[in-house]
PDB file of N, CA and C in Angstrom:
ATOM      1  N   UNK A   1      -4.404 -26.664 -13.841  1.00  0.00           N
ATOM      2  CA  UNK A   1      -3.604 -25.853 -13.922  1.00  0.00           C
ATOM      3  C   UNK A   1      -4.057 -24.330 -13.972  1.00  0.00           C
ATOM      4  N   UNK A   2      -4.952 -24.278 -14.991  1.00  0.00           N
ATOM      5  CA  UNK A   2      -5.578 -23.320 -15.978  1.00  0.00           C
ATOM      6  C   UNK A   2      -6.498 -22.408 -14.945  1.00  0.00           C
ATOM      7  N   UNK A   3      -6.917 -23.176 -14.234  1.00  0.00           N
ATOM      8  CA  UNK A   3      -8.232 -22.542 -13.362  1.00  0.00           C
ATOM      9  C   UNK A   3      -7.617 -22.017 -12.153  1.00  0.00           C
ATOM     10  N   UNK A   4      -6.192 -22.537 -11.667  1.00  0.00           N
ATOM     11  CA  UNK A   4      -5.727 -21.582 -10.531  1.00  0.00           C
ATOM     12  C   UNK A   4      -5.001 -20.485 -10.894  1.00  0.00           C
ATOM     13  N   UNK A   5      -4.382 -20.402 -12.348  1.00  0.00           N
ATOM     14  CA  UNK A   5      -3.656 -19.297 -12.823  1.00  0.00           C
ATOM     15  C   UNK A   5      -4.869 -18.268 -12.911  1.00  0.00           C
ATOM     16  N   UNK A   6      -5.802 -18.757 -13.824  1.00  0.00           N
ATOM     17  CA  UNK A   6      -6.971 -17.368 -13.765  1.00  0.00           C
ATOM     18  C   UNK A   6      -7.274 -16.976 -12.493  1.00  0.00           C
ATOM     19  N   UNK A   7      -7.375 -17.879 -11.694  1.00  0.00           N
ATOM     20  CA  UNK A   7      -7.941 -17.532 -10.483  1.00  0.00           C
ATOM     21  C   UNK A   7      -6.870 -16.205  -9.515  1.00  0.00           C
ATOM     22  N   UNK A   8      -5.547 -16.383  -9.559  1.00  0.00           N
ATOM     23  CA  UNK A   8      -4.273 -15.812  -9.408  1.00  0.00           C
ATOM     24  C   UNK A   8      -4.428 -14.524 -10.472  1.00  0.00           C
ATOM     25  N   UNK A   9      -4.881 -14.628 -11.649  1.00  0.00           N
ATOM     26  CA  UNK A   9      -4.436 -13.446 -12.242  1.00  0.00           C
ATOM     27  C   UNK A   9      -5.511 -12.222 -12.081  1.00  0.00           C
ATOM     28  N   UNK A  10      -7.019 -12.892 -11.671  1.00  0.00           N
ATOM     29  CA  UNK A  10      -8.183 -12.168 -10.768  1.00  0.00           C
ATOM     30  C   UNK A  10      -7.652 -11.495  -9.870  1.00  0.00           C
ATOM     31  N   UNK A  11      -7.200 -12.176  -9.113  1.00  0.00           N
ATOM     32  CA  UNK A  11      -6.414 -11.547  -7.645  1.00  0.00           C
ATOM     33  C   UNK A  11      -5.820 -10.306  -7.665  1.00  0.00           C
ATOM     34  N   UNK A  12      -4.675 -10.671  -9.008  1.00  0.00           N
ATOM     35  CA  UNK A  12      -4.012 -10.120  -9.296  1.00  0.00           C
ATOM     36  C   UNK A  12      -4.309  -8.687  -9.723  1.00  0.00           C
ATOM     37  N   UNK A  13      -5.437  -8.582 -10.623  1.00  0.00           N
ATOM     38  CA  UNK A  13      -5.710  -7.415 -10.969  1.00  0.00           C
ATOM     39  C   UNK A  13      -6.335  -7.158 -10.127  1.00  0.00           C
ATOM     40  N   UNK A  14      -7.316  -7.589  -9.198  1.00  0.00           N
ATOM     41  CA  UNK A  14      -7.685  -6.624  -7.987  1.00  0.00           C
ATOM     42  C   UNK A  14      -6.793  -6.056  -7.167  1.00  0.00           C
ATOM     43  N   UNK A  15      -5.868  -6.570  -6.971  1.00  0.00           N
ATOM     44  CA  UNK A  15      -4.733  -6.166  -6.019  1.00  0.00           C
ATOM     45  C   UNK A  15      -3.939  -4.728  -6.777  1.00  0.00           C
ATOM     46  N   UNK A  16      -3.917  -5.060  -7.929  1.00  0.00           N
ATOM     47  CA  UNK A  16      -3.183  -3.751  -8.525  1.00  0.00           C
ATOM     48  C   UNK A  16      -4.097  -2.705  -8.277  1.00  0.00           C
ATOM     49  N   UNK A  17      -5.475  -2.516  -8.715  1.00  0.00           N
ATOM     50  CA  UNK A  17      -6.526  -1.548  -8.796  1.00  0.00           C
ATOM     51  C   UNK A  17      -6.629  -0.769  -7.325  1.00  0.00           C
ATOM     52  N   UNK A  18      -6.345  -1.843  -5.998  1.00  0.00           N
ATOM     53  CA  UNK A  18      -6.751  -1.600  -4.777  1.00  0.00           C
ATOM     54  C   UNK A  18      -5.540  -1.048  -4.575  1.00  0.00           C
ATOM     55  N   UNK A  19      -4.228  -1.179  -4.844  1.00  0.00           N
ATOM     56  CA  UNK A  19      -3.074  -0.894  -4.388  1.00  0.00           C
ATOM     57  C   UNK A  19      -2.483   0.992  -5.127  1.00  0.00           C
ATOM     58  N   UNK A  20      -3.591   0.735  -6.261  1.00  0.00           N
ATOM     59  CA  UNK A  20      -3.146   2.171  -7.197  1.00  0.00           C
ATOM     60  C   UNK A  20      -4.553   3.213  -5.966  1.00  0.00           C
ATOM     61  N   UNK A  21      -5.574   2.974  -5.694  1.00  0.00           N
ATOM     62  CA  UNK A  21      -5.867   3.517  -5.116  1.00  0.00           C
ATOM     63  C   UNK A  21      -5.922   3.785  -3.434  1.00  0.00           C
ATOM     64  N   UNK A  22      -4.909   2.875  -2.788  1.00  0.00           N
ATOM     65  CA  UNK A  22      -4.591   3.066  -2.016  1.00  0.00           C
ATOM     66  C   UNK A  22      -3.186   4.290  -1.944  1.00  0.00           C
ATOM     67  N   UNK A  23      -2.438   4.286  -2.640  1.00  0.00           N
ATOM     68  CA  UNK A  23      -1.421   5.125  -2.690  1.00  0.00           C
ATOM     69  C   UNK A  23      -1.863   6.451  -3.375  1.00  0.00           C
ATOM     70  N   UNK A  24      -3.003   6.584  -4.217  1.00  0.00           N
ATOM     71  CA  UNK A  24      -3.154   7.627  -4.394  1.00  0.00           C
ATOM     72  C   UNK A  24      -4.160   8.443  -3.164  1.00  0.00           C
ATOM     73  N   UNK A  25      -4.673   7.822  -2.026  1.00  0.00           N
ATOM     74  CA  UNK A  25      -5.318   8.124  -0.829  1.00  0.00           C
ATOM     75  C   UNK A  25      -4.536   8.903  -0.126  1.00  0.00           C
ATOM     76  N   UNK A  26      -3.091   8.684  -0.053  1.00  0.00           N
ATOM     77  CA  UNK A  26      -2.242   8.915   0.977  1.00  0.00           C
ATOM     78  C   UNK A  26      -1.888  10.379   0.815  1.00  0.00           C
ATOM     79  N   UNK A  27      -1.498  10.757   2.046  1.00  0.00           N
ATOM     80  CA  UNK A  27      -1.081  12.301   2.007  1.00  0.00           C
ATOM     81  C   UNK A  27       0.325  12.080   1.753  1.00  0.00           C
ATOM     82  N   UNK A  28       0.919  13.780   0.861  1.00  0.00           N
ATOM     83  CA  UNK A  28       1.883  14.001   0.616  1.00  0.00           C
ATOM     84  C   UNK A  28       3.167  13.783   2.084  1.00  0.00           C
ATOM     85  N   UNK A  29       4.377  13.721   1.207  1.00  0.00           N
ATOM     86  CA  UNK A  29       5.510  13.908   2.851  1.00  0.00           C
ATOM     87  C   UNK A  29       5.887  15.211   3.004  1.00  0.00           C
ATOM     88  N   UNK A  30       4.823  16.341   1.956  1.00  0.00           N
ATOM     89  CA  UNK A  30       5.768  17.198   2.622  1.00  0.00           C
ATOM     90  C   UNK A  30       5.666  17.989   4.050  1.00  0.00           C
ATOM     91  N   UNK A  31       5.953  18.604   4.494  1.00  0.00           N
ATOM     92  CA  UNK A  31       6.042  19.143   5.938  1.00  0.00           C
ATOM     93  C   UNK A  31       5.747  20.238   5.677  1.00  0.00           C
ATOM     94  N   UNK A  32       6.575  21.318   4.640  1.00  0.00           N
ATOM     95  CA  UNK A  32       6.155  22.445   5.376  1.00  0.00           C
ATOM     96  C   UNK A  32       7.062  23.306   5.971  1.00  0.00           C
ATOM     97  N   UNK A  33       6.069  24.717   6.222  1.00  0.00           N
ATOM     98  CA  UNK A  33       6.982  25.123   7.497  1.00  0.00           C
ATOM     99  C   UNK A  33       6.621  24.761   8.642  1.00  0.00           C
ATOM    100  N   UNK A  34       5.541  23.841   9.006  1.00  0.00           N
ATOM    101  CA  UNK A  34       5.142  23.359  10.339  1.00  0.00           C
ATOM    102  C   UNK A  34       6.166  22.705  10.808  1.00  0.00           C
ATOM    103  N   UNK A  35       7.306  21.921   9.917  1.00  0.00           N
ATOM    104  CA  UNK A  35       8.131  21.044  10.740  1.00  0.00           C
ATOM    105  C   UNK A  35       9.469  21.869  11.028  1.00  0.00           C
ATOM    106  N   UNK A  36       9.477  23.056  10.773  1.00  0.00           N
ATOM    107  CA  UNK A  36      10.644  24.216  11.176  1.00  0.00           C
ATOM    108  C   UNK A  36       9.877  24.333  13.023  1.00  0.00           C
ATOM    109  N   UNK A  37       8.548  24.779  12.809  1.00  0.00           N
ATOM    110  CA  UNK A  37       8.172  25.374  14.132  1.00  0.00           C
ATOM    111  C   UNK A  37       7.833  23.879  15.042  1.00  0.00           C
ATOM    112  N   UNK A  38       8.302  22.493  14.804  1.00  0.00           N
ATOM    113  CA  UNK A  38       7.977  21.356  15.332  1.00  0.00           C
ATOM    114  C   UNK A  38       6.378  21.175  15.629  1.00  0.00           C
ATOM    115  N   UNK A  39       5.543  21.662  14.496  1.00  0.00           N
ATOM    116  CA  UNK A  39       4.200  21.671  14.529  1.00  0.00           C
ATOM    117  C   UNK A  39       3.933  19.323  14.279  1.00  0.00           C
ATOM    118  N   UNK A  40       4.933  18.799  13.459  1.00  0.00           N
ATOM    119  CA  UNK A  40       4.815  17.525  12.732  1.00  0.00           C
ATOM    120  C   UNK A  40       5.032  17.007  13.934  1.00  0.00           C
ATOM    121  N   UNK A  41       5.447  17.592  15.211  1.00  0.00           N
ATOM    122  CA  UNK A  41       5.546  16.758  16.095  1.00  0.00           C
ATOM    123  C   UNK A  41       4.335  16.629  17.258  1.00  0.00           C
ATOM    124  N   UNK A  42       3.099  16.180  16.946  1.00  0.00           N
ATOM    125  CA  UNK A  42       1.869  16.390  17.857  1.00  0.00           C
ATOM    126  C   UNK A  42       1.714  14.972  17.638  1.00  0.00           C
ATOM    127  N   UNK A  43       0.845  14.876  18.999  1.00  0.00           N
ATOM    128  CA  UNK A  43      -0.062  13.640  18.957  1.00  0.00           C
ATOM    129  C   UNK A  43      -0.269  13.131  17.739  1.00  0.00           C
ATOM    130  N   UNK A  44      -0.949  13.493  16.933  1.00  0.00           N
ATOM    131  CA  UNK A  44      -0.927  12.249  15.384  1.00  0.00           C
ATOM    132  C   UNK A  44       0.206  12.356  14.872  1.00  0.00           C
ATOM    133  N   UNK A  45       0.960  12.941  15.044  1.00  0.00           N
ATOM    134  CA  UNK A  45       2.407  12.568  13.831  1.00  0.00           C
ATOM    135  C   UNK A  45       3.141  11.780  14.948  1.00  0.00           C
ATOM    136  N   UNK A  46       3.013  11.539  15.829  1.00  0.00           N
ATOM    137  CA  UNK A  46       3.890  10.360  16.514  1.00  0.00           C
ATOM    138  C   UNK A  46       2.806   9.029  16.911  1.00  0.00           C
ATOM    139  N   UNK A  47       1.711   9.190  16.620  1.00  0.00           N
ATOM    140  CA  UNK A  47       0.980   7.789  16.379  1.00  0.00           C
ATOM    141  C   UNK A  47       0.162   7.791  15.355  1.00  0.00           C
ATOM    142  N   UNK A  48       0.921   7.709  14.436  1.00  0.00           N
ATOM    143  CA  UNK A  48       0.685   7.486  13.189  1.00  0.00           C
ATOM    144  C   UNK A  48       0.142   5.923  13.002  1.00  0.00           C
ATOM    145  N   UNK A  49       0.734   4.998  13.485  1.00  0.00           N
ATOM    146  CA  UNK A  49      -0.131   3.611  13.319  1.00  0.00           C
ATOM    147  C   UNK A  49      -1.692   3.333  13.774  1.00  0.00           C
ATOM    148  N   UNK A  50      -1.964   4.435  14.788  1.00  0.00           N
ATOM    149  CA  UNK A  50      -3.837   4.239  14.876  1.00  0.00           C
ATOM    150  C   UNK A  50      -4.393   5.200  14.042  1.00  0.00           C
ATOM    151  N   UNK A  51      -3.514   6.161  13.487  1.00  0.00           N
ATOM    152  CA  UNK A  51      -4.473   6.963  12.254  1.00  0.00           C
ATOM    153  C   UNK A  51      -5.038   6.656  11.245  1.00  0.00           C
ATOM    154  N   UNK A  52      -5.792   7.219  10.737  1.00  0.00           N
ATOM    155  CA  UNK A  52      -6.213   6.482   9.191  1.00  0.00           C
ATOM    156  C   UNK A  52      -4.903   6.458   8.172  1.00  0.00           C
ATOM    157  N   UNK A  53      -3.823   7.416   8.511  1.00  0.00           N
ATOM    158  CA  UNK A  53      -2.861   7.645   7.519  1.00  0.00           C
ATOM    159  C   UNK A  53      -1.488   6.382   7.636  1.00  0.00           C
ATOM    160  N   UNK A  54      -1.758   5.893   8.890  1.00  0.00           N
ATOM    161  CA  UNK A  54      -1.184   4.790   9.251  1.00  0.00           C
ATOM    162  C   UNK A  54      -2.013   3.199   8.839  1.00  0.00           C
ATOM    163  N   UNK A  55      -3.053   3.565   8.736  1.00  0.00           N
ATOM    164  CA  UNK A  55      -3.449   2.192   8.068  1.00  0.00           C
ATOM    165  C   UNK A  55      -3.076   2.201   6.789  1.00  0.00           C
ATOM    166  N   UNK A  56      -3.162   3.330   6.182  1.00  0.00           N
ATOM    167  CA  UNK A  56      -3.233   3.196   4.684  1.00  0.00           C
ATOM    168  C   UNK A  56      -1.680   2.564   4.253  1.00  0.00           C
ATOM    169  N   UNK A  57      -0.832   3.224   4.935  1.00  0.00           N
ATOM    170  CA  UNK A  57       0.633   2.723   4.697  1.00  0.00           C
ATOM    171  C   UNK A  57       0.793   1.206   5.263  1.00  0.00           C
ATOM    172  N   UNK A  58       0.116   0.774   5.705  1.00  0.00           N
ATOM    173  CA  UNK A  58       0.253  -0.327   6.407  1.00  0.00           C
ATOM    174  C   UNK A  58      -0.332  -1.317   5.443  1.00  0.00           C
ATOM    175  N   UNK A  59      -1.788  -1.192   4.760  1.00  0.00           N
ATOM    176  CA  UNK A  59      -2.614  -1.906   3.750  1.00  0.00           C
ATOM    177  C   UNK A  59      -1.570  -1.204   2.512  1.00  0.00           C
ATOM    178  N   UNK A  60      -0.618  -0.249   1.893  1.00  0.00           N
ATOM    179  CA  UNK A  60       0.466  -0.071   0.993  1.00  0.00           C
ATOM    180  C   UNK A  60       0.868  -1.346   1.215  1.00  0.00           C
ATOM    181  N   UNK A  61       1.867  -1.579   2.189  1.00  0.00           N
ATOM    182  CA  UNK A  61       3.164  -2.551   2.507  1.00  0.00           C
ATOM    183  C   UNK A  61       2.393  -3.935   1.847  1.00  0.00           C
ATOM    184  N   UNK A  62       1.490  -4.647   2.571  1.00  0.00           N
ATOM    185  CA  UNK A  62       0.957  -5.507   2.653  1.00  0.00           C
ATOM    186  C   UNK A  62       0.475  -5.955   0.991  1.00  0.00           C
ATOM    187  N   UNK A  63      -0.338  -4.857   0.305  1.00  0.00           N
ATOM    188  CA  UNK A  63      -0.291  -5.009  -1.045  1.00  0.00           C
ATOM    189  C   UNK A  63       0.851  -5.136  -2.011  1.00  0.00           C
ATOM    190  N   UNK A  64       1.340  -4.372  -1.581  1.00  0.00           N
ATOM    191  CA  UNK A  64       2.859  -4.522  -2.393  1.00  0.00           C
ATOM    192  C   UNK A  64       3.636  -5.767  -2.343  1.00  0.00           C
ATOM    193  N   UNK A  65       3.505  -6.422  -0.947  1.00  0.00           N
ATOM    194  CA  UNK A  65       4.425  -7.611  -1.079  1.00  0.00           C
ATOM    195  C   UNK A  65       3.459  -8.944  -1.949  1.00  0.00           C
ATOM    196  N   UNK A  66       2.272  -8.771  -1.694  1.00  0.00           N
ATOM    197  CA  UNK A  66       1.131  -9.676  -2.798  1.00  0.00           C
ATOM    198  C   UNK A  66       1.270  -9.354  -3.739  1.00  0.00           C
ATOM    199  N   UNK A  67       1.759  -7.890  -4.348  1.00  0.00           N
ATOM    200  CA  UNK A  67       1.674  -7.792  -5.836  1.00  0.00           C
ATOM    201  C   UNK A  67       3.026  -8.217  -5.952  1.00  0.00           C
ATOM    202  N   UNK A  68       4.349  -8.327  -5.728  1.00  0.00           N
ATOM    203  CA  UNK A  68       5.538  -8.960  -5.768  1.00  0.00           C
ATOM    204  C   UNK A  68       5.461 -10.297  -5.487  1.00  0.00           C
ATOM    205  N   UNK A  69       4.813 -11.163  -4.832  1.00  0.00           N
ATOM    206  CA  UNK A  69       4.527 -12.286  -4.671  1.00  0.00           C
ATOM    207  C   UNK A  69       3.862 -13.054  -6.046  1.00  0.00           C
ATOM    208  N   UNK A  70       2.444 -12.477  -6.415  1.00  0.00           N
ATOM    209  CA  UNK A  70       2.146 -12.705  -7.339  1.00  0.00           C
ATOM    210  C   UNK A  70       2.744 -12.681  -8.939  1.00  0.00           C
ATOM    211  N   UNK A  71       3.373 -11.718  -8.650  1.00  0.00           N
ATOM    212  CA  UNK A  71       3.981 -11.216 -10.133  1.00  0.00           C
ATOM    213  C   UNK A  71       4.863 -12.605 -10.046  1.00  0.00           C
ATOM    214  N   UNK A  72       5.965 -13.036  -9.290  1.00  0.00           N
ATOM    215  CA  UNK A  72       6.639 -13.967  -9.345  1.00  0.00           C
ATOM    216  C   UNK A  72       5.905 -15.407  -9.801  1.00  0.00           C
ATOM    217  N   UNK A  73       5.159 -15.652  -9.327  1.00  0.00           N
ATOM    218  CA  UNK A  73       4.360 -17.443  -9.375  1.00  0.00           C
ATOM    219  C   UNK A  73       3.448 -16.565 -10.501  1.00  0.00           C
ATOM    220  N   UNK A  74       2.800 -15.566 -10.884  1.00  0.00           N
ATOM    221  CA  UNK A  74       2.058 -15.748 -12.271  1.00  0.00           C
ATOM    222  C   UNK A  74       3.591 -15.819 -13.635  1.00  0.00           C
ATOM    223  N   UNK A  75       4.765 -15.613 -13.444  1.00  0.00           N
ATOM    224  CA  UNK A  75       5.711 -15.435 -14.613  1.00  0.00           C
ATOM    225  C   UNK A  75       6.265 -16.678 -14.729  1.00  0.00           C
ATOM    226  N   UNK A  76       5.686 -18.008 -13.486  1.00  0.00           N
ATOM    227  CA  UNK A  76       6.264 -19.082 -14.064  1.00  0.00           C
ATOM    228  C   UNK A  76       5.765 -20.036 -14.788  1.00  0.00           C
ATOM    229  N   UNK A  77       6.276 -20.454 -15.167  1.00  0.00           N
ATOM    230  CA  UNK A  77       5.557 -21.830 -16.030  1.00  0.00           C
ATOM    231  C   UNK A  77       5.149 -22.891 -15.338  1.00  0.00           C
ATOM    232  N   UNK A  78       4.227 -23.140 -15.345  1.00  0.00           N
ATOM    233  CA  UNK A  78       3.641 -24.063 -14.551  1.00  0.00           C
ATOM    234  C   UNK A  78       2.416 -24.704 -15.083  1.00  0.00           C
TER     235      UNK A  78
END
């Protein structure tokens, strides 16, 4: 069981570092004056899932879920 705990701990540390990097790579959510003029409703604003920003958001969600699951599993006494 100690081998499994060690492997999960290594995955947990890698996930923590990757999650930090991905969050720091994301752009801010401040729209500024562009939101007033409707600039935020461009092609890339509507199709965020296909852009690099959409990929970063999806990766953040996946890594956050992995972080929570690993936190719970590593906190168990087995």
